[in-house]
Amino acid sequence: MAPGSSVKIAIIGAGSIGSRHAQILRDSRHEVVVVSRQAGAGKYEKVSVALKHEKFEYVVVASKTSQHLDDLRQLSASKFSGTVLIEKPILINFKKFPRNNFEFAAVGYNLRFHPAIAWLRDTLPQVGYISSANLYIGQYLPTWRKNDKYQNSSSATTASGGGVLRDLSHELDLAQYLFGDWTHLTSTGGKFSNLEIETDDTFSILMQTKLCPALSIQLNYLDRIKQRVITINGDKGSIRIDLFSGLSQFNERTQVFDVGSDHTYLAEHKAMFAKDPKTICSIAEALNVVKTIEAIEIASSKRKWIKK
């Protein structure tokens, strides 16, 4: 799969994220075939059927999280040997990843490709010993998908893999990407609003990691002031980045990264085409996020600290 050449790609899933991947890749002049369980939404209803009729170099698994495992098993059973990108989170609950012949596979935590995150990673050593950090994401669920009722979205139902811990798991991935794996954690969360959903809409998490003794993460579907912010304090300074505005600060130094809405997705696909593991989230890292989610849920339900 040579970078810059046209690639034949299967997109599994015709929802909002699948449609976004399809449009981005078509705009990049790739041949895209949509596979969807929803009748009439794609050229094929099953990836196993699509693979019998067409040869793909690249597959993007962008179905509901609850359907990922079945789609991956179909790819494996069909002996697909190309490149696979799986949308986040990789699975609803932790399970062994299916044995496969994939040449290269990774998971779509595309915020790793935000230039402010790259800048943060480069700048982080300058803060010295890290004492604390906070990752915050808040966005009002009814405004997420303009053409769909939020009550009918995958975010609204547990069976589809909804809820803030899974929908907004970028922050859990960034926590491990920036500060290493956690050693202890506790949390509180649940459905605290009047949104017409059955899933959790709020979670607050406190953890200790290899590089940060006091790391807090806050996730919610409720913030009418859309925010995605990371703040870090060390003995030589502080960092704050706003992933929506691109504003990045280290002490008095300020820089703004002007990022288009598709920038991180394009960079992610470029890494997949190049089979470059440097920034992209690995299968092992993505499965660790799922384990972290399960630990957070246990900590909240039992009102206790969890030790890894």
Protein backbone atom coordinates (compact mmCIF):
# COMPACT_ATOMS: atom_id res chain seq x y z
CA MET A 1 0.00 0.00 0.00
CA ALA A 2 2.25 2.76 -1.28
CA PRO A 3 1.65 6.21 0.25
CA GLY A 4 0.07 8.55 -2.31
CA SER A 5 -1.38 5.80 -4.49
CA SER A 6 -5.09 5.00 -4.80
CA VAL A 7 -6.18 2.23 -2.42
CA LYS A 8 -9.33 0.09 -2.44
CA ILE A 9 -10.88 0.38 1.00
CA ALA A 10 -13.82 -1.24 2.79
CA ILE A 11 -15.54 0.86 5.45
CA ILE A 12 -17.59 -1.32 7.80
CA GLY A 13 -20.37 0.84 9.20
CA ALA A 14 -22.51 3.60 7.71
CA GLY A 15 -23.10 5.64 10.85
CA SER A 16 -21.64 9.06 11.54
CA ILE A 17 -18.03 7.94 12.02
CA GLY A 18 -18.13 5.42 9.17
CA SER A 19 -19.56 8.05 6.84
CA ARG A 20 -16.87 10.49 7.92
CA HIS A 21 -14.07 8.03 7.16
CA ALA A 22 -15.68 7.23 3.81
CA GLN A 23 -15.92 10.90 2.81
CA ILE A 24 -12.36 11.71 3.92
CA LEU A 25 -10.91 8.75 2.01
CA ARG A 26 -12.98 9.45 -1.12
CA ASP A 27 -11.84 13.07 -1.02
CA SER A 28 -8.31 11.66 -0.94
CA ARG A 29 -9.14 9.84 -4.20
CA HIS A 30 -9.32 6.32 -2.81
CA GLU A 31 -11.92 3.77 -3.90
CA VAL A 32 -14.31 3.22 -1.00
CA VAL A 33 -16.86 0.42 -0.58
CA VAL A 34 -19.28 0.66 2.35
CA VAL A 35 -20.39 -2.45 4.24
CA SER A 36 -23.36 -2.03 6.58
CA ARG A 37 -25.84 -4.26 8.39
CA GLN A 38 -28.46 -1.60 7.70
CA ALA A 39 -30.27 -2.65 4.53
CA GLY A 40 -29.50 -0.33 1.61
CA ALA A 41 -26.86 1.67 3.51
CA GLY A 42 -23.89 -0.07 1.88
CA LYS A 43 -22.96 -2.16 -1.12
CA TYR A 44 -22.75 -5.25 1.11
CA GLU A 45 -24.35 -6.16 4.42
CA LYS A 46 -21.51 -8.40 5.65
CA VAL A 47 -17.77 -7.99 5.32
CA SER A 48 -17.41 -11.75 4.69
CA VAL A 49 -19.61 -11.36 1.60
CA ALA A 50 -17.73 -8.26 0.46
CA LEU A 51 -14.42 -10.13 0.66
CA LYS A 52 -15.77 -12.92 -1.55
CA HIS A 53 -16.48 -10.44 -4.35
CA GLU A 54 -13.78 -7.78 -3.99
CA LYS A 55 -10.14 -7.45 -2.95
CA PHE A 56 -9.34 -4.74 -0.44
CA GLU A 57 -5.98 -3.49 0.79
CA TYR A 58 -7.38 -1.60 3.77
CA VAL A 59 -10.43 -2.12 6.02
CA VAL A 60 -11.81 0.40 8.51
CA VAL A 61 -14.02 -1.15 11.19
CA ALA A 62 -16.39 1.71 12.05
CA SER A 63 -19.48 -0.26 13.04
CA LYS A 64 -21.09 0.00 16.48
CA THR A 65 -18.65 -0.99 19.21
CA SER A 66 -20.88 -3.95 20.06
CA GLN A 67 -20.34 -5.28 16.50
CA HIS A 68 -16.55 -4.91 16.34
CA LEU A 69 -15.75 -8.40 17.57
CA ASP A 70 -18.04 -10.06 15.03
CA ASP A 71 -16.60 -7.94 12.20
CA LEU A 72 -13.04 -8.79 13.27
CA ARG A 73 -13.90 -12.48 13.39
CA GLN A 74 -15.35 -12.28 9.89
CA LEU A 75 -12.17 -10.61 8.65
CA SER A 76 -10.07 -13.29 10.33
CA ALA A 77 -12.20 -16.19 9.04
CA SER A 78 -12.01 -14.73 5.53
CA LYS A 79 -8.19 -14.68 5.88
CA PHE A 80 -7.93 -10.97 5.19
CA SER A 81 -4.24 -10.10 5.18
CA GLY A 82 -4.21 -6.36 4.60
CA THR A 83 -4.31 -3.33 6.92
CA VAL A 84 -7.07 -2.85 9.52
CA LEU A 85 -8.04 0.28 11.45
CA ILE A 86 -10.59 -0.30 14.22
CA GLU A 87 -12.55 2.64 15.56
CA LYS A 88 -12.33 3.30 19.27
CA PRO A 89 -13.06 1.75 21.65
CA ILE A 90 -11.81 -1.53 20.24
CA LEU A 91 -14.36 -3.63 22.18
CA ILE A 92 -17.16 -3.08 24.71
CA ASN A 93 -15.57 -5.44 27.24
CA PHE A 94 -12.16 -7.03 27.41
CA LYS A 95 -11.79 -10.17 25.32
CA LYS A 96 -8.89 -11.82 23.58
CA PHE A 97 -8.25 -10.25 20.19
CA PRO A 98 -9.10 -12.72 17.39
CA ARG A 99 -6.20 -14.56 15.77
CA ASN A 100 -5.63 -13.12 12.33
CA ASN A 101 -3.35 -12.63 9.33
CA PHE A 102 -3.52 -8.83 9.33
CA GLU A 103 -0.37 -7.21 7.99
CA PHE A 104 -0.87 -4.16 10.19
CA ALA A 105 -3.66 -3.31 12.63
CA ALA A 106 -4.28 -0.38 14.96
CA VAL A 107 -7.06 1.52 16.72
CA GLY A 108 -8.51 4.92 15.88
CA TYR A 109 -7.52 7.15 18.77
CA ASN A 110 -6.93 9.94 16.30
CA LEU A 111 -6.35 12.69 18.89
CA ARG A 112 -2.81 11.35 19.19
CA PHE A 113 -2.28 13.05 15.81
CA HIS A 114 -3.43 16.49 16.97
CA PRO A 115 -0.42 18.84 16.60
CA ALA A 116 -1.05 20.21 20.10
CA ILE A 117 -0.61 16.68 21.48
CA ALA A 118 2.63 16.29 19.52
CA TRP A 119 3.78 19.66 20.89
CA LEU A 120 2.79 18.59 24.42
CA ARG A 121 4.79 15.36 24.16
CA ASP A 122 7.85 17.34 23.02
CA THR A 123 7.40 19.98 25.73
CA LEU A 124 6.54 17.67 28.63
CA PRO A 125 10.15 17.02 29.74
CA GLN A 126 10.55 20.77 30.35
CA VAL A 127 8.01 20.80 33.19
CA GLY A 128 10.32 18.62 35.29
CA TYR A 129 8.80 16.37 37.94
CA ILE A 130 5.07 16.09 37.24
CA SER A 131 2.95 16.54 40.35
CA SER A 132 -0.55 16.61 38.88
CA ALA A 133 -2.55 16.60 35.65
CA ASN A 134 -6.16 16.92 34.60
CA LEU A 135 -7.87 15.84 31.39
CA TYR A 136 -11.36 17.26 30.80
CA ILE A 137 -13.89 16.60 28.04
CA GLY A 138 -17.43 17.93 28.14
CA GLN A 139 -19.84 18.21 25.25
CA TYR A 140 -23.66 18.30 25.19
CA LEU A 141 -24.82 15.02 23.66
CA PRO A 142 -27.95 16.38 21.89
CA THR A 143 -25.72 18.63 19.74
CA TRP A 144 -23.24 15.92 18.63
CA ARG A 145 -24.98 14.59 15.56
CA LYS A 146 -26.98 17.32 13.85
CA ASN A 147 -29.08 15.06 11.63
CA ASP A 148 -29.88 12.34 14.19
CA LYS A 149 -31.85 12.27 17.42
CA TYR A 150 -29.47 11.61 20.28
CA GLN A 151 -32.02 9.23 21.84
CA ASN A 152 -31.54 6.87 18.86
CA SER A 153 -27.75 7.06 18.78
CA SER A 154 -25.32 4.38 19.89
CA SER A 155 -24.32 6.73 22.73
CA ALA A 156 -27.76 6.28 24.29
CA THR A 157 -27.77 2.50 24.72
CA THR A 158 -25.58 0.17 26.76
CA ALA A 159 -25.94 -2.69 24.28
CA SER A 160 -24.40 -0.58 21.50
CA GLY A 161 -21.41 0.36 23.62
CA GLY A 162 -22.52 3.85 24.58
CA GLY A 163 -21.79 5.91 27.67
CA VAL A 164 -19.09 8.47 28.37
CA LEU A 165 -16.39 5.97 29.36
CA ARG A 166 -16.45 4.36 25.92
CA ASP A 167 -17.59 7.28 23.76
CA LEU A 168 -15.03 9.64 25.29
CA SER A 169 -12.26 7.13 25.87
CA HIS A 170 -9.80 9.34 23.97
CA GLU A 171 -8.89 10.84 27.35
CA LEU A 172 -8.18 7.39 28.81
CA ASP A 173 -5.91 6.63 25.86
CA LEU A 174 -4.17 10.01 26.12
CA ALA A 175 -3.58 9.39 29.82
CA GLN A 176 -1.58 6.24 29.07
CA TYR A 177 0.07 7.83 26.01
CA LEU A 178 1.30 10.83 28.00
CA PHE A 179 1.80 9.52 31.54
CA GLY A 180 2.23 5.75 31.29
CA ASP A 181 -0.01 2.99 32.59
CA TRP A 182 -1.96 3.44 35.82
CA THR A 183 -1.10 1.66 39.07
CA HIS A 184 -4.11 2.66 41.24
CA LEU A 185 -7.45 4.28 40.41
CA THR A 186 -10.83 5.15 41.83
CA SER A 187 -13.89 6.83 40.34
CA THR A 188 -17.46 8.00 40.64
CA GLY A 189 -19.98 8.21 37.83
CA GLY A 190 -23.42 7.41 36.53
CA LYS A 191 -26.43 8.95 34.82
CA PHE A 192 -26.89 12.21 36.69
CA SER A 193 -28.92 14.23 34.15
CA ASN A 194 -32.37 14.18 32.59
CA LEU A 195 -31.04 13.15 29.16
CA GLU A 196 -33.21 10.46 27.55
CA ILE A 197 -30.49 7.80 27.57
CA GLU A 198 -29.84 4.61 29.53
CA THR A 199 -26.06 5.08 29.68
CA ASP A 200 -23.77 6.93 32.08
CA ASP A 201 -23.45 10.64 31.26
CA THR A 202 -20.76 11.64 33.77
CA PHE A 203 -17.58 10.12 35.19
CA SER A 204 -14.80 11.52 37.37
CA ILE A 205 -11.67 9.40 37.71
CA LEU A 206 -8.61 9.75 39.92
CA MET A 207 -5.56 7.65 39.18
CA GLN A 208 -1.87 7.30 39.87
CA THR A 209 0.34 6.46 36.91
CA LYS A 210 4.01 5.74 36.36
CA LEU A 211 4.72 9.41 35.60
CA CYS A 212 1.96 11.25 37.49
CA PRO A 213 0.97 10.73 41.14
CA ALA A 214 -2.31 12.67 40.89
CA LEU A 215 -4.08 12.37 37.54
CA SER A 216 -7.75 13.32 37.29
CA ILE A 217 -9.98 12.70 34.29
CA GLN A 218 -13.46 14.14 33.87
CA LEU A 219 -15.88 13.04 31.14
CA ASN A 220 -19.46 14.17 30.52
CA TYR A 221 -22.25 14.47 27.94
CA LEU A 222 -23.59 17.62 29.63
CA ASP A 223 -21.30 20.60 29.06
CA ARG A 224 -23.11 23.21 26.94
CA ILE A 225 -19.74 24.98 26.66
CA LYS A 226 -17.85 22.45 24.53
CA GLN A 227 -14.44 21.85 26.13
CA ARG A 228 -11.49 19.47 25.71
CA VAL A 229 -8.56 20.62 27.84
CA ILE A 230 -5.41 19.11 29.36
CA THR A 231 -3.56 20.80 32.24
CA ILE A 232 -0.23 19.58 33.66
CA ASN A 233 1.76 20.92 36.62
CA GLY A 234 5.45 20.22 37.26
CA ASP A 235 8.21 21.65 39.42
CA LYS A 236 9.54 23.68 36.47
CA GLY A 237 6.29 24.91 35.00
CA SER A 238 2.77 24.25 33.77
CA ILE A 239 1.25 23.24 30.46
CA ARG A 240 -2.29 23.80 29.25
CA ILE A 241 -3.68 22.80 25.87
CA ASP A 242 -7.16 23.34 24.45
CA LEU A 243 -7.79 20.73 21.77
CA PHE A 244 -10.79 22.57 20.33
CA SER A 245 -9.18 26.01 19.92
CA GLY A 246 -5.61 24.74 19.44
CA LEU A 247 -4.32 27.14 22.11
CA SER A 248 -1.24 25.65 23.79
CA GLN A 249 0.64 27.21 26.71
CA PHE A 250 3.84 26.45 28.60
CA ASN A 251 4.23 28.99 31.38
CA GLU A 252 4.19 32.35 29.54
CA ARG A 253 4.85 30.85 26.11
CA THR A 254 1.79 30.53 23.91
CA GLN A 255 1.24 28.83 20.58
CA VAL A 256 -1.92 28.23 18.55
CA PHE A 257 -2.37 25.24 16.27
CA ASP A 258 -4.98 25.91 13.59
CA VAL A 259 -6.36 22.44 12.91
CA GLY A 260 -9.16 21.54 10.50
CA SER A 261 -11.82 19.08 11.62
CA ASP A 262 -10.39 16.27 9.46
CA HIS A 263 -6.69 16.88 10.14
CA THR A 264 -6.22 14.16 12.76
CA TYR A 265 -8.15 11.60 10.70
CA LEU A 266 -6.04 12.29 7.62
CA ALA A 267 -2.84 11.97 9.65
CA GLU A 268 -4.13 8.73 11.16
CA HIS A 269 -4.88 7.23 7.73
CA LYS A 270 -1.47 8.36 6.48
CA ALA A 271 0.15 6.44 9.34
CA MET A 272 -1.95 3.39 8.50
CA PHE A 273 -0.97 3.53 4.81
CA ALA A 274 2.70 3.77 5.84
CA LYS A 275 2.27 1.09 8.54
CA ASP A 276 4.00 3.48 10.92
CA PRO A 277 3.55 2.41 14.57
CA LYS A 278 5.22 5.49 16.06
CA THR A 279 2.09 7.47 17.01
CA ILE A 280 -0.89 5.24 16.22
CA CYS A 281 -2.58 3.34 19.05
CA SER A 282 -1.63 -0.34 19.05
CA ILE A 283 -4.02 -3.22 19.65
CA ALA A 284 -2.38 -3.88 23.03
CA GLU A 285 -2.77 -0.24 24.10
CA ALA A 286 -6.41 -0.18 22.99
CA LEU A 287 -7.16 -3.37 24.92
CA ASN A 288 -5.54 -1.74 27.94
CA VAL A 289 -8.04 1.12 27.61
CA VAL A 290 -10.87 -1.46 27.76
CA LYS A 291 -9.34 -2.98 30.90
CA THR A 292 -9.09 0.53 32.37
CA ILE A 293 -12.79 1.18 31.63
CA GLU A 294 -13.74 -2.04 33.41
CA ALA A 295 -11.58 -1.09 36.42
CA ILE A 296 -13.21 2.37 36.54
CA GLU A 297 -16.68 0.79 36.53
CA ILE A 298 -15.73 -1.59 39.36
CA ALA A 299 -14.18 1.24 41.39
CA SER A 300 -17.33 3.33 41.01
CA SER A 301 -19.77 0.54 41.86
CA LYS A 302 -17.75 -0.67 44.89
CA ARG A 303 -16.61 2.77 46.05
CA LYS A 304 -13.01 1.63 46.34
CA TRP A 305 -9.51 2.00 44.97
CA ILE A 306 -8.44 -0.56 42.37
CA LYS A 307 -4.86 -1.74 42.19
CA LYS A 308 -3.55 -3.00 38.86
